């Protein structure tokens, strides 16, 4: 049985710029269970059956392999403009001088000229060990400090100005934090990525995001059985 889905059959959501984001995407976090090569194979297979949104992050440790899979897909005839590629700024790269170089490294690893969406992965500038080892928390962890976050956000806006990123967004936020960012941002976040599944529905945050013109992106939509 042919399991291929035509990309145009996948529901899409409209960002406030008018750009479309596919309603179904493939997340590439799996470094705790799968090798980078396995993740890259999953990307190739997903694109071959109709996926067009690939969700990446520097901290996943596999963007260079995902980048090869993306290049292979484009060599096979997939057009770059038909893909929607997301990546994320990790917690230890929030300093003003680090944001743009971090994005540029993701672009090099992914073998792309631009990202469709670049998210601030978490609102806290804290260090975690590579591959998101939750047993190695930062002993000097800091709370959310809005002024610091906005300095990071100004550099995110600069990425849009430079054409390296088409849209910027937030991730793992709460309503009070979102209110402050929306108040002070020059370029409004286009999306907020959030854990979203039957056991953790976050209806108030979901409704707030939609009401304010952002697209909510759910991660772990089938739950997080390992936690």
N, C-alpha and C. Protein backbone atom coordinates (compact mmCIF):
# COMPACT_ATOMS: atom_id res chain seq x y z
N UNK A 1 0.84 -1.19 0.00
CA UNK A 1 0.00 0.00 0.00
C UNK A 1 0.88 1.24 0.00
N UNK A 2 0.56 2.18 -0.85
CA UNK A 2 1.32 3.43 -0.94
C UNK A 2 0.97 4.33 0.23
N UNK A 3 1.98 4.64 1.07
CA UNK A 3 1.74 5.48 2.25
C UNK A 3 2.17 6.92 2.03
N UNK A 4 2.54 7.25 0.80
CA UNK A 4 2.97 8.62 0.51
C UNK A 4 1.80 9.59 0.63
N UNK A 5 2.06 10.72 1.27
CA UNK A 5 1.07 11.79 1.39
C UNK A 5 1.55 12.96 0.54
N UNK A 6 0.70 13.43 -0.32
CA UNK A 6 1.07 14.61 -1.10
C UNK A 6 1.20 15.81 -0.17
N UNK A 7 2.27 16.59 -0.29
CA UNK A 7 2.45 17.74 0.62
C UNK A 7 1.24 18.66 0.67
N UNK A 8 0.56 18.84 -0.46
CA UNK A 8 -0.60 19.72 -0.48
C UNK A 8 -1.79 19.14 0.27
N UNK A 9 -1.72 17.85 0.64
CA UNK A 9 -2.78 17.24 1.43
C UNK A 9 -2.61 17.51 2.93
N UNK A 10 -1.43 17.97 3.32
CA UNK A 10 -1.17 18.25 4.73
C UNK A 10 -1.74 19.63 5.07
N UNK A 11 -2.60 19.73 6.08
CA UNK A 11 -3.13 21.05 6.45
C UNK A 11 -2.00 22.02 6.79
N UNK A 12 -2.17 23.26 6.41
CA UNK A 12 -1.16 24.28 6.70
C UNK A 12 -1.79 25.40 7.51
N UNK A 13 -0.96 26.08 8.29
CA UNK A 13 -1.41 27.22 9.08
C UNK A 13 -0.69 28.47 8.56
N UNK A 14 -1.35 29.59 8.66
CA UNK A 14 -0.80 30.83 8.12
C UNK A 14 -0.16 31.66 9.23
N UNK A 15 1.12 31.96 9.06
CA UNK A 15 1.81 32.86 9.97
C UNK A 15 1.38 34.30 9.68
N UNK A 16 1.66 35.21 10.60
CA UNK A 16 1.16 36.57 10.42
C UNK A 16 1.78 37.29 9.23
N UNK A 17 2.85 36.73 8.69
CA UNK A 17 3.45 37.30 7.48
C UNK A 17 2.73 36.84 6.22
N UNK A 18 1.86 35.86 6.36
CA UNK A 18 1.20 35.27 5.21
C UNK A 18 1.85 33.97 4.76
N UNK A 19 3.03 33.66 5.28
CA UNK A 19 3.70 32.41 4.95
C UNK A 19 2.94 31.24 5.56
N UNK A 20 3.08 30.08 4.94
CA UNK A 20 2.40 28.88 5.40
C UNK A 20 3.38 27.96 6.14
N UNK A 21 2.91 27.37 7.24
CA UNK A 21 3.69 26.38 7.96
C UNK A 21 2.89 25.08 7.96
N UNK A 22 3.49 23.97 7.50
CA UNK A 22 2.76 22.70 7.49
C UNK A 22 2.28 22.32 8.88
N UNK A 23 1.09 21.77 8.96
CA UNK A 23 0.50 21.41 10.25
C UNK A 23 1.09 20.17 10.87
N UNK A 24 1.86 19.41 10.11
CA UNK A 24 2.52 18.21 10.62
C UNK A 24 4.00 18.31 10.29
N UNK A 25 4.83 18.07 11.28
CA UNK A 25 6.27 18.13 11.05
C UNK A 25 6.98 16.99 11.74
N UNK A 26 8.24 16.81 11.39
CA UNK A 26 9.07 15.78 12.01
C UNK A 26 10.04 16.43 12.97
N UNK A 27 9.98 16.07 14.24
CA UNK A 27 10.96 16.52 15.21
C UNK A 27 12.20 15.66 15.15
N UNK A 28 13.36 16.27 15.34
CA UNK A 28 14.62 15.53 15.21
C UNK A 28 15.32 15.32 16.54
N UNK A 29 14.63 15.56 17.65
CA UNK A 29 15.22 15.22 18.95
C UNK A 29 15.09 13.72 19.15
N UNK A 30 16.22 13.10 19.40
CA UNK A 30 16.21 11.66 19.63
C UNK A 30 17.58 11.18 20.03
N UNK A 31 18.44 12.13 20.39
CA UNK A 31 19.83 11.79 20.70
C UNK A 31 19.96 10.94 21.95
N UNK A 32 18.88 10.87 22.75
CA UNK A 32 18.92 10.02 23.93
C UNK A 32 18.58 8.57 23.60
N UNK A 33 18.05 8.33 22.39
CA UNK A 33 17.62 6.97 22.03
C UNK A 33 18.14 6.51 20.67
N UNK A 34 18.48 7.45 19.80
CA UNK A 34 18.85 7.10 18.43
C UNK A 34 20.15 7.80 18.03
N UNK A 35 20.85 7.19 17.11
CA UNK A 35 22.07 7.82 16.60
C UNK A 35 21.72 8.94 15.64
N UNK A 36 22.68 9.81 15.40
CA UNK A 36 22.45 10.88 14.43
C UNK A 36 22.13 10.34 13.06
N UNK A 37 22.78 9.23 12.68
CA UNK A 37 22.52 8.63 11.38
C UNK A 37 21.08 8.13 11.28
N UNK A 38 20.57 7.57 12.37
CA UNK A 38 19.18 7.10 12.36
C UNK A 38 18.21 8.27 12.22
N UNK A 39 18.52 9.37 12.90
CA UNK A 39 17.67 10.57 12.77
C UNK A 39 17.70 11.07 11.33
N UNK A 40 18.89 11.10 10.74
CA UNK A 40 19.01 11.57 9.35
C UNK A 40 18.23 10.67 8.40
N UNK A 41 18.28 9.36 8.63
CA UNK A 41 17.49 8.44 7.80
C UNK A 41 16.00 8.72 7.96
N UNK A 42 15.59 9.04 9.19
CA UNK A 42 14.18 9.36 9.42
C UNK A 42 13.77 10.61 8.65
N UNK A 43 14.68 11.59 8.58
CA UNK A 43 14.39 12.82 7.82
C UNK A 43 14.21 12.49 6.35
N UNK A 44 15.12 11.68 5.80
CA UNK A 44 15.00 11.30 4.39
C UNK A 44 13.68 10.58 4.13
N UNK A 45 13.37 9.62 5.00
CA UNK A 45 12.15 8.85 4.81
C UNK A 45 10.92 9.74 4.93
N UNK A 46 10.94 10.65 5.91
CA UNK A 46 9.79 11.53 6.12
C UNK A 46 9.55 12.41 4.89
N UNK A 47 10.61 12.98 4.36
CA UNK A 47 10.45 13.83 3.17
C UNK A 47 9.95 13.01 1.99
N UNK A 48 10.41 11.77 1.89
CA UNK A 48 10.01 10.93 0.76
C UNK A 48 8.53 10.58 0.79
N UNK A 49 7.91 10.60 1.99
CA UNK A 49 6.48 10.26 2.08
C UNK A 49 5.61 11.50 2.26
N UNK A 50 6.19 12.70 2.13
CA UNK A 50 5.36 13.89 2.09
C UNK A 50 5.58 14.93 3.17
N UNK A 51 6.41 14.64 4.19
CA UNK A 51 6.70 15.66 5.20
C UNK A 51 7.47 16.81 4.55
N UNK A 52 7.16 18.03 5.00
CA UNK A 52 7.90 19.19 4.52
C UNK A 52 8.39 20.08 5.65
N UNK A 53 7.89 19.89 6.86
CA UNK A 53 8.36 20.66 8.02
C UNK A 53 9.29 19.77 8.84
N UNK A 54 10.53 20.20 9.00
CA UNK A 54 11.51 19.48 9.80
C UNK A 54 11.94 20.40 10.94
N UNK A 55 11.77 19.93 12.17
CA UNK A 55 12.04 20.73 13.37
C UNK A 55 13.37 20.28 13.97
N UNK A 56 14.33 21.19 14.02
CA UNK A 56 15.69 20.88 14.45
C UNK A 56 16.08 21.74 15.64
N UNK A 57 17.26 21.49 16.19
CA UNK A 57 17.83 22.33 17.23
C UNK A 57 19.31 22.02 17.36
N UNK A 58 20.09 23.05 17.65
CA UNK A 58 21.53 22.86 17.79
C UNK A 58 21.85 21.85 18.88
N UNK A 59 21.11 21.90 19.98
CA UNK A 59 21.44 21.06 21.13
C UNK A 59 21.18 19.58 20.86
N UNK A 60 20.41 19.27 19.83
CA UNK A 60 20.16 17.86 19.53
C UNK A 60 21.42 17.15 19.04
N UNK A 61 22.41 17.91 18.63
CA UNK A 61 23.69 17.32 18.26
C UNK A 61 23.71 16.60 16.93
N UNK A 62 22.70 16.83 16.09
CA UNK A 62 22.64 16.08 14.84
C UNK A 62 22.35 16.95 13.62
N UNK A 63 22.44 18.27 13.77
CA UNK A 63 22.08 19.14 12.64
C UNK A 63 22.97 18.91 11.43
N UNK A 64 24.23 18.55 11.64
CA UNK A 64 25.11 18.30 10.49
C UNK A 64 24.65 17.09 9.69
N UNK A 65 24.08 16.09 10.37
CA UNK A 65 23.58 14.91 9.68
C UNK A 65 22.21 15.18 9.07
N UNK A 66 21.39 15.93 9.77
CA UNK A 66 20.11 16.35 9.19
C UNK A 66 20.37 17.18 7.94
N UNK A 67 21.39 18.03 7.99
CA UNK A 67 21.74 18.85 6.84
C UNK A 67 22.09 18.02 5.62
N UNK A 68 22.80 16.92 5.83
CA UNK A 68 23.11 16.04 4.69
C UNK A 68 21.84 15.42 4.13
N UNK A 69 20.92 15.03 5.02
CA UNK A 69 19.65 14.47 4.56
C UNK A 69 18.85 15.50 3.77
N UNK A 70 18.86 16.75 4.23
CA UNK A 70 18.16 17.80 3.50
C UNK A 70 18.79 18.04 2.14
N UNK A 71 20.12 18.04 2.10
CA UNK A 71 20.81 18.23 0.82
C UNK A 71 20.50 17.08 -0.14
N UNK A 72 20.46 15.86 0.39
CA UNK A 72 20.11 14.71 -0.45
C UNK A 72 18.70 14.86 -1.01
N UNK A 73 17.78 15.33 -0.16
CA UNK A 73 16.40 15.50 -0.61
C UNK A 73 16.32 16.55 -1.72
N UNK A 74 17.05 17.63 -1.55
CA UNK A 74 17.02 18.68 -2.57
C UNK A 74 17.71 18.23 -3.85
N UNK A 75 18.73 17.38 -3.71
CA UNK A 75 19.39 16.85 -4.90
C UNK A 75 18.46 15.92 -5.67
N UNK A 76 17.49 15.33 -4.97
CA UNK A 76 16.55 14.41 -5.62
C UNK A 76 15.38 15.14 -6.27
N UNK A 77 15.33 16.47 -6.12
CA UNK A 77 14.29 17.23 -6.80
C UNK A 77 13.37 18.03 -5.91
N UNK A 78 13.52 17.91 -4.57
CA UNK A 78 12.73 18.72 -3.65
C UNK A 78 13.26 20.14 -3.66
N UNK A 79 12.39 21.11 -3.83
CA UNK A 79 12.82 22.51 -3.85
C UNK A 79 12.93 23.06 -2.44
N UNK A 80 13.94 23.89 -2.21
CA UNK A 80 14.12 24.49 -0.87
C UNK A 80 12.89 25.23 -0.42
N UNK A 81 12.24 25.97 -1.33
CA UNK A 81 11.08 26.77 -0.94
C UNK A 81 9.88 25.92 -0.56
N UNK A 82 9.94 24.62 -0.86
CA UNK A 82 8.85 23.73 -0.47
C UNK A 82 9.05 23.13 0.91
N UNK A 83 10.23 23.35 1.48
CA UNK A 83 10.54 22.86 2.82
C UNK A 83 10.34 23.99 3.84
N UNK A 84 9.99 23.61 5.05
CA UNK A 84 9.89 24.57 6.16
C UNK A 84 10.81 24.03 7.25
N UNK A 85 11.93 24.71 7.47
CA UNK A 85 12.94 24.23 8.40
C UNK A 85 13.01 25.14 9.62
N UNK A 86 12.86 24.54 10.77
CA UNK A 86 12.93 25.24 12.06
C UNK A 86 14.20 24.81 12.79
N UNK A 87 14.86 25.76 13.44
CA UNK A 87 15.92 25.43 14.38
C UNK A 87 15.76 26.31 15.61
N UNK A 88 16.64 26.10 16.59
CA UNK A 88 16.45 26.78 17.88
C UNK A 88 17.79 27.21 18.47
N UNK A 89 17.74 28.36 19.14
CA UNK A 89 18.88 28.90 19.88
C UNK A 89 18.94 28.23 21.24
N UNK A 90 20.08 27.62 21.55
CA UNK A 90 20.17 26.92 22.83
C UNK A 90 20.46 27.87 23.99
N UNK A 91 20.24 27.35 25.19
CA UNK A 91 20.25 28.16 26.40
C UNK A 91 21.58 28.86 26.69
N UNK A 92 22.68 28.24 26.29
CA UNK A 92 23.98 28.84 26.62
C UNK A 92 24.48 29.79 25.54
N UNK A 93 23.59 30.18 24.62
CA UNK A 93 23.96 31.12 23.55
C UNK A 93 23.07 32.36 23.57
N UNK A 94 22.61 32.77 24.75
CA UNK A 94 21.71 33.91 24.84
C UNK A 94 22.44 35.25 24.85
N UNK A 95 23.75 35.25 25.06
CA UNK A 95 24.45 36.53 25.10
C UNK A 95 24.38 37.21 23.73
N UNK A 96 24.36 38.53 23.76
CA UNK A 96 24.16 39.29 22.52
C UNK A 96 25.16 38.90 21.43
N UNK A 97 26.40 38.68 21.82
CA UNK A 97 27.44 38.38 20.83
C UNK A 97 27.37 36.95 20.32
N UNK A 98 26.53 36.12 20.93
CA UNK A 98 26.50 34.70 20.59
C UNK A 98 25.33 34.30 19.70
N UNK A 99 24.28 35.11 19.65
CA UNK A 99 23.04 34.70 18.98
C UNK A 99 23.26 34.52 17.48
N UNK A 100 23.81 35.53 16.83
CA UNK A 100 23.98 35.45 15.37
C UNK A 100 24.97 34.34 15.00
N UNK A 101 26.14 34.22 15.66
CA UNK A 101 27.03 33.11 15.34
C UNK A 101 26.39 31.74 15.56
N UNK A 102 25.55 31.61 16.58
CA UNK A 102 24.88 30.33 16.82
C UNK A 102 23.96 29.97 15.67
N UNK A 103 23.22 30.96 15.18
CA UNK A 103 22.34 30.72 14.04
C UNK A 103 23.16 30.39 12.79
N UNK A 104 24.24 31.11 12.59
CA UNK A 104 25.08 30.86 11.41
C UNK A 104 25.65 29.44 11.44
N UNK A 105 26.00 28.96 12.64
CA UNK A 105 26.50 27.57 12.73
C UNK A 105 25.40 26.58 12.37
N UNK A 106 24.18 26.81 12.86
CA UNK A 106 23.08 25.92 12.49
C UNK A 106 22.87 25.92 10.98
N UNK A 107 22.96 27.09 10.36
CA UNK A 107 22.81 27.17 8.91
C UNK A 107 23.90 26.38 8.19
N UNK A 108 25.13 26.50 8.67
CA UNK A 108 26.22 25.73 8.06
C UNK A 108 25.98 24.23 8.22
N UNK A 109 25.61 23.83 9.43
CA UNK A 109 25.38 22.40 9.68
C UNK A 109 24.22 21.86 8.86
N UNK A 110 23.18 22.66 8.72
CA UNK A 110 22.00 22.23 7.97
C UNK A 110 22.16 22.44 6.47
N UNK A 111 23.26 23.09 6.07
CA UNK A 111 23.57 23.35 4.65
C UNK A 111 22.47 24.19 3.99
N UNK A 112 22.07 25.22 4.71
CA UNK A 112 21.00 26.09 4.24
C UNK A 112 21.47 27.54 4.20
N UNK A 113 20.80 28.34 3.38
CA UNK A 113 21.07 29.77 3.32
C UNK A 113 20.20 30.55 4.28
N UNK A 114 19.07 29.98 4.66
CA UNK A 114 18.16 30.65 5.59
C UNK A 114 17.32 29.61 6.32
N UNK A 115 16.78 30.02 7.45
CA UNK A 115 15.82 29.20 8.20
C UNK A 115 14.43 29.81 8.03
N UNK A 116 13.44 28.97 7.96
CA UNK A 116 12.07 29.47 7.91
C UNK A 116 11.62 29.96 9.27
N UNK A 117 12.12 29.33 10.34
CA UNK A 117 11.73 29.71 11.70
C UNK A 117 12.89 29.42 12.63
N UNK A 118 13.22 30.39 13.48
CA UNK A 118 14.27 30.22 14.48
C UNK A 118 13.67 30.60 15.82
N UNK A 119 13.75 29.67 16.76
CA UNK A 119 13.11 29.84 18.07
C UNK A 119 14.16 30.01 19.16
N UNK A 120 13.82 30.77 20.19
CA UNK A 120 14.59 30.75 21.43
C UNK A 120 14.10 29.52 22.19
N UNK A 121 14.96 28.51 22.31
CA UNK A 121 14.54 27.19 22.76
C UNK A 121 13.86 27.21 24.13
N UNK A 122 14.50 27.89 25.07
CA UNK A 122 13.94 28.07 26.42
C UNK A 122 14.17 29.52 26.83
N UNK A 123 13.33 30.06 27.69
CA UNK A 123 13.50 31.47 28.09
C UNK A 123 14.61 31.69 29.12
N UNK A 124 15.26 30.60 29.55
CA UNK A 124 16.28 30.71 30.59
C UNK A 124 17.66 30.48 29.99
N UNK A 125 18.63 31.35 30.31
CA UNK A 125 19.98 31.21 29.75
C UNK A 125 20.84 30.26 30.57
N UNK A 126 20.42 29.03 30.69
CA UNK A 126 21.10 28.06 31.54
C UNK A 126 21.79 26.99 30.72
N UNK A 127 22.85 26.45 31.27
CA UNK A 127 23.61 25.43 30.56
C UNK A 127 23.10 24.04 30.90
N UNK A 128 23.00 23.20 29.89
CA UNK A 128 22.78 21.78 30.08
C UNK A 128 23.88 21.05 29.32
N UNK A 129 24.20 19.88 29.77
CA UNK A 129 25.21 19.09 29.06
C UNK A 129 24.73 18.79 27.65
N UNK A 130 25.66 18.52 26.73
CA UNK A 130 25.26 18.18 25.35
C UNK A 130 24.24 17.06 25.31
N UNK A 131 23.37 17.11 24.30
CA UNK A 131 22.31 16.13 24.08
C UNK A 131 21.24 16.17 25.17
N UNK A 132 21.15 17.32 25.86
CA UNK A 132 20.06 17.57 26.80
C UNK A 132 20.04 16.52 27.91
N UNK A 133 21.17 16.31 28.53
CA UNK A 133 21.25 15.37 29.65
C UNK A 133 20.63 16.04 30.88
N UNK A 134 19.40 15.64 31.21
CA UNK A 134 18.68 16.32 32.29
C UNK A 134 19.28 16.02 33.66
N UNK A 135 20.18 15.06 33.75
CA UNK A 135 20.82 14.76 35.03
C UNK A 135 21.97 15.71 35.31
N UNK A 136 22.30 16.57 34.36
CA UNK A 136 23.42 17.49 34.52
C UNK A 136 22.92 18.93 34.45
N UNK A 137 22.18 19.34 35.45
CA UNK A 137 21.62 20.69 35.49
C UNK A 137 22.69 21.72 35.85
N UNK A 138 22.45 22.93 35.43
CA UNK A 138 23.36 24.03 35.71
C UNK A 138 23.23 24.44 37.18
N UNK A 139 24.31 24.32 37.96
CA UNK A 139 24.21 24.73 39.37
C UNK A 139 24.06 26.23 39.54
N UNK A 140 24.32 26.99 38.49
CA UNK A 140 24.19 28.45 38.54
C UNK A 140 22.99 28.91 37.71
N UNK A 141 21.96 28.11 37.67
CA UNK A 141 20.78 28.41 36.86
C UNK A 141 20.17 29.75 37.26
N UNK A 142 19.68 30.48 36.25
CA UNK A 142 19.09 31.80 36.47
C UNK A 142 17.62 31.78 36.12
N UNK A 143 16.82 32.60 36.78
CA UNK A 143 15.40 32.71 36.42
C UNK A 143 15.24 33.55 35.16
N UNK A 144 14.01 33.65 34.69
CA UNK A 144 13.72 34.52 33.55
C UNK A 144 13.91 35.98 33.98
N UNK A 145 14.75 36.69 33.25
CA UNK A 145 14.96 38.12 33.48
C UNK A 145 14.60 38.82 32.18
N UNK A 146 13.53 39.59 32.19
CA UNK A 146 12.98 40.08 30.93
C UNK A 146 13.96 40.95 30.16
N UNK A 147 14.67 41.83 30.85
CA UNK A 147 15.62 42.68 30.16
C UNK A 147 16.68 41.88 29.42
N UNK A 148 17.16 40.82 30.06
CA UNK A 148 18.15 39.96 29.42
C UNK A 148 17.55 39.24 28.21
N UNK A 149 16.33 38.75 28.39
CA UNK A 149 15.68 38.04 27.28
C UNK A 149 15.50 38.97 26.08
N UNK A 150 15.13 40.21 26.34
CA UNK A 150 14.91 41.14 25.23
C UNK A 150 16.22 41.50 24.53
N UNK A 151 17.33 41.48 25.25
CA UNK A 151 18.61 41.70 24.57
C UNK A 151 18.88 40.54 23.61
N UNK A 152 18.54 39.34 24.04
CA UNK A 152 18.63 38.19 23.13
C UNK A 152 17.67 38.37 21.96
N UNK A 153 16.46 38.82 22.25
CA UNK A 153 15.44 38.96 21.21
C UNK A 153 15.84 40.00 20.16
N UNK A 154 16.53 41.05 20.58
CA UNK A 154 16.98 42.06 19.61
C UNK A 154 17.92 41.42 18.58
N UNK A 155 18.73 40.49 19.03
CA UNK A 155 19.62 39.80 18.09
C UNK A 155 18.84 38.83 17.21
N UNK A 156 17.77 38.25 17.74
CA UNK A 156 16.89 37.43 16.91
C UNK A 156 16.27 38.29 15.81
N UNK A 157 15.85 39.49 16.18
CA UNK A 157 15.30 40.42 15.18
C UNK A 157 16.34 40.77 14.12
N UNK A 158 17.60 40.90 14.55
CA UNK A 158 18.67 41.21 13.60
C UNK A 158 18.86 40.09 12.59
N UNK A 159 18.59 38.86 13.00
CA UNK A 159 18.68 37.74 12.06
C UNK A 159 17.66 37.88 10.94
N UNK A 160 16.47 38.36 11.28
CA UNK A 160 15.45 38.62 10.26
C UNK A 160 15.92 39.75 9.35
N UNK A 161 16.43 40.81 9.96
CA UNK A 161 16.91 41.96 9.17
C UNK A 161 17.99 41.54 8.18
N UNK A 162 18.82 40.59 8.56
CA UNK A 162 19.93 40.15 7.71
C UNK A 162 19.49 39.12 6.67
N UNK A 163 18.28 38.63 6.77
CA UNK A 163 17.80 37.64 5.82
C UNK A 163 18.24 36.22 6.13
N UNK A 164 18.82 36.00 7.30
CA UNK A 164 19.24 34.65 7.68
C UNK A 164 18.06 33.81 8.16
N UNK A 165 17.02 34.49 8.61
CA UNK A 165 15.85 33.83 9.18
C UNK A 165 14.60 34.53 8.64
N UNK A 166 13.60 33.75 8.27
CA UNK A 166 12.36 34.34 7.77
C UNK A 166 11.42 34.74 8.92
N UNK A 167 11.39 33.94 9.96
CA UNK A 167 10.52 34.20 11.11
C UNK A 167 11.26 33.82 12.38
N UNK A 168 10.91 34.50 13.47
CA UNK A 168 11.46 34.15 14.78
C UNK A 168 10.31 33.83 15.72
N UNK A 169 10.62 33.06 16.76
CA UNK A 169 9.57 32.68 17.67
C UNK A 169 10.10 32.27 19.03
N UNK A 170 9.17 31.94 19.89
CA UNK A 170 9.47 31.56 21.26
C UNK A 170 9.18 30.08 21.45
N UNK A 171 9.60 29.57 22.59
CA UNK A 171 9.37 28.16 22.90
C UNK A 171 9.37 27.99 24.41
N UNK A 172 8.51 27.10 24.88
CA UNK A 172 8.45 26.78 26.32
C UNK A 172 8.19 28.02 27.18
N UNK A 173 7.30 28.87 26.71
CA UNK A 173 6.98 30.11 27.42
C UNK A 173 5.70 29.96 28.25
N UNK A 174 5.50 30.93 29.12
CA UNK A 174 4.26 31.05 29.87
C UNK A 174 3.56 32.33 29.44
N UNK A 175 2.30 32.47 29.81
CA UNK A 175 1.55 33.67 29.40
C UNK A 175 2.19 34.96 29.94
N UNK A 176 2.56 35.04 31.22
CA UNK A 176 3.18 36.30 31.69
C UNK A 176 4.44 36.68 30.91
N UNK A 177 5.26 35.70 30.57
CA UNK A 177 6.46 36.00 29.78
C UNK A 177 6.07 36.44 28.37
N UNK A 178 5.10 35.76 27.78
CA UNK A 178 4.65 36.12 26.43
C UNK A 178 4.11 37.54 26.40
N UNK A 179 3.38 37.93 27.43
CA UNK A 179 2.83 39.29 27.47
C UNK A 179 3.94 40.33 27.39
N UNK A 180 5.02 40.10 28.11
CA UNK A 180 6.13 41.05 28.11
C UNK A 180 6.83 41.10 26.75
N UNK A 181 7.05 39.93 26.17
CA UNK A 181 7.73 39.89 24.86
C UNK A 181 6.88 40.57 23.79
N UNK A 182 5.58 40.28 23.78
CA UNK A 182 4.70 40.90 22.78
C UNK A 182 4.62 42.42 22.97
N UNK A 183 4.73 42.86 24.20
CA UNK A 183 4.71 44.30 24.48
C UNK A 183 5.94 44.99 23.93
N UNK A 184 7.10 44.34 24.03
CA UNK A 184 8.37 45.03 23.76
C UNK A 184 9.04 44.65 22.44
N UNK A 185 8.55 43.64 21.76
CA UNK A 185 9.22 43.18 20.54
C UNK A 185 8.99 44.13 19.38
N UNK A 186 10.04 44.39 18.62
CA UNK A 186 9.89 45.11 17.35
C UNK A 186 9.36 44.17 16.28
N UNK A 187 9.93 42.96 16.23
CA UNK A 187 9.41 41.91 15.34
C UNK A 187 8.74 40.87 16.23
N UNK A 188 7.45 40.74 16.08
CA UNK A 188 6.66 39.86 16.93
C UNK A 188 6.99 38.40 16.65
N UNK A 189 7.01 37.57 17.69
CA UNK A 189 7.18 36.14 17.43
C UNK A 189 6.05 35.61 16.55
N UNK A 190 6.43 34.76 15.60
CA UNK A 190 5.45 34.19 14.67
C UNK A 190 4.82 32.93 15.22
N UNK A 191 5.51 32.28 16.16
CA UNK A 191 5.03 31.00 16.69
C UNK A 191 5.56 30.80 18.09
N UNK A 192 4.87 29.97 18.84
CA UNK A 192 5.37 29.52 20.14
C UNK A 192 5.29 28.00 20.17
N UNK A 193 6.44 27.37 20.36
CA UNK A 193 6.47 25.91 20.45
C UNK A 193 6.29 25.50 21.91
N UNK A 194 5.43 24.51 22.13
CA UNK A 194 5.06 24.15 23.50
C UNK A 194 4.75 22.66 23.57
N UNK A 195 5.01 22.06 24.72
CA UNK A 195 4.61 20.67 24.90
C UNK A 195 3.09 20.59 24.84
N UNK A 196 2.58 19.69 24.02
CA UNK A 196 1.14 19.69 23.77
C UNK A 196 0.70 18.28 23.38
N UNK A 197 -0.06 17.65 24.26
CA UNK A 197 -0.56 16.30 23.99
C UNK A 197 -1.74 16.04 24.93
N UNK A 198 -2.44 14.92 24.78
CA UNK A 198 -3.65 14.70 25.58
C UNK A 198 -3.45 14.79 27.08
N UNK A 199 -2.25 14.47 27.57
CA UNK A 199 -2.00 14.51 29.01
C UNK A 199 -1.49 15.88 29.48
N UNK A 200 -1.23 16.78 28.56
CA UNK A 200 -0.73 18.12 28.92
C UNK A 200 -1.20 19.08 27.84
N UNK A 201 -2.42 19.56 27.97
CA UNK A 201 -3.07 20.28 26.88
C UNK A 201 -2.85 21.79 26.92
N UNK A 202 -2.52 22.35 28.05
CA UNK A 202 -2.23 23.79 28.18
C UNK A 202 -3.26 24.67 27.46
N UNK A 203 -4.54 24.51 27.73
CA UNK A 203 -5.56 25.25 26.96
C UNK A 203 -5.45 26.76 27.08
N UNK A 204 -5.11 27.27 28.27
CA UNK A 204 -5.03 28.72 28.43
C UNK A 204 -3.90 29.30 27.59
N UNK A 205 -2.73 28.65 27.62
CA UNK A 205 -1.61 29.13 26.82
C UNK A 205 -1.92 28.99 25.33
N UNK A 206 -2.50 27.87 24.95
CA UNK A 206 -2.86 27.66 23.54
C UNK A 206 -3.78 28.77 23.05
N UNK A 207 -4.82 29.05 23.82
CA UNK A 207 -5.78 30.08 23.41
C UNK A 207 -5.13 31.46 23.37
N UNK A 208 -4.25 31.74 24.33
CA UNK A 208 -3.57 33.04 24.36
C UNK A 208 -2.70 33.21 23.11
N UNK A 209 -1.97 32.18 22.77
CA UNK A 209 -1.10 32.24 21.59
C UNK A 209 -1.91 32.52 20.33
N UNK A 210 -3.00 31.78 20.16
CA UNK A 210 -3.84 31.96 18.97
C UNK A 210 -4.46 33.35 18.95
N UNK A 211 -4.96 33.80 20.10
CA UNK A 211 -5.61 35.11 20.19
C UNK A 211 -4.67 36.23 19.78
N UNK A 212 -3.39 36.04 20.04
CA UNK A 212 -2.41 37.09 19.75
C UNK A 212 -1.70 36.91 18.41
N UNK A 213 -2.25 36.06 17.57
CA UNK A 213 -1.77 35.96 16.20
C UNK A 213 -0.56 35.09 15.97
N UNK A 214 -0.18 34.29 16.97
CA UNK A 214 0.93 33.37 16.81
C UNK A 214 0.38 31.99 16.45
N UNK A 215 1.18 31.19 15.80
CA UNK A 215 0.82 29.80 15.55
C UNK A 215 1.40 28.94 16.67
N UNK A 216 0.58 28.17 17.38
CA UNK A 216 1.11 27.24 18.38
C UNK A 216 1.66 26.00 17.70
N UNK A 217 2.85 25.61 18.07
CA UNK A 217 3.47 24.38 17.55
C UNK A 217 3.59 23.41 18.72
N UNK A 218 2.99 22.26 18.61
CA UNK A 218 3.03 21.28 19.68
C UNK A 218 4.18 20.31 19.51
N UNK A 219 4.94 20.09 20.59
CA UNK A 219 5.93 19.01 20.54
C UNK A 219 5.51 17.89 21.48
N UNK A 220 6.08 16.72 21.26
CA UNK A 220 5.67 15.49 21.96
C UNK A 220 4.16 15.28 21.86
N UNK A 221 3.59 15.35 20.65
CA UNK A 221 2.13 15.26 20.52
C UNK A 221 1.55 13.92 20.94
N UNK A 222 2.39 12.89 21.01
CA UNK A 222 1.92 11.58 21.48
C UNK A 222 2.28 11.34 22.94
N UNK A 223 2.77 12.38 23.60
CA UNK A 223 3.14 12.25 25.00
C UNK A 223 4.64 12.06 25.17
N UNK A 224 5.07 11.99 26.42
CA UNK A 224 6.49 11.82 26.75
C UNK A 224 6.63 10.62 27.67
N UNK A 225 6.57 9.41 27.12
CA UNK A 225 6.53 8.21 27.97
C UNK A 225 7.78 7.98 28.79
N UNK A 226 8.90 8.58 28.40
CA UNK A 226 10.14 8.34 29.13
C UNK A 226 10.26 9.19 30.38
N UNK A 227 9.30 10.12 30.60
CA UNK A 227 9.40 11.00 31.75
C UNK A 227 8.41 10.59 32.82
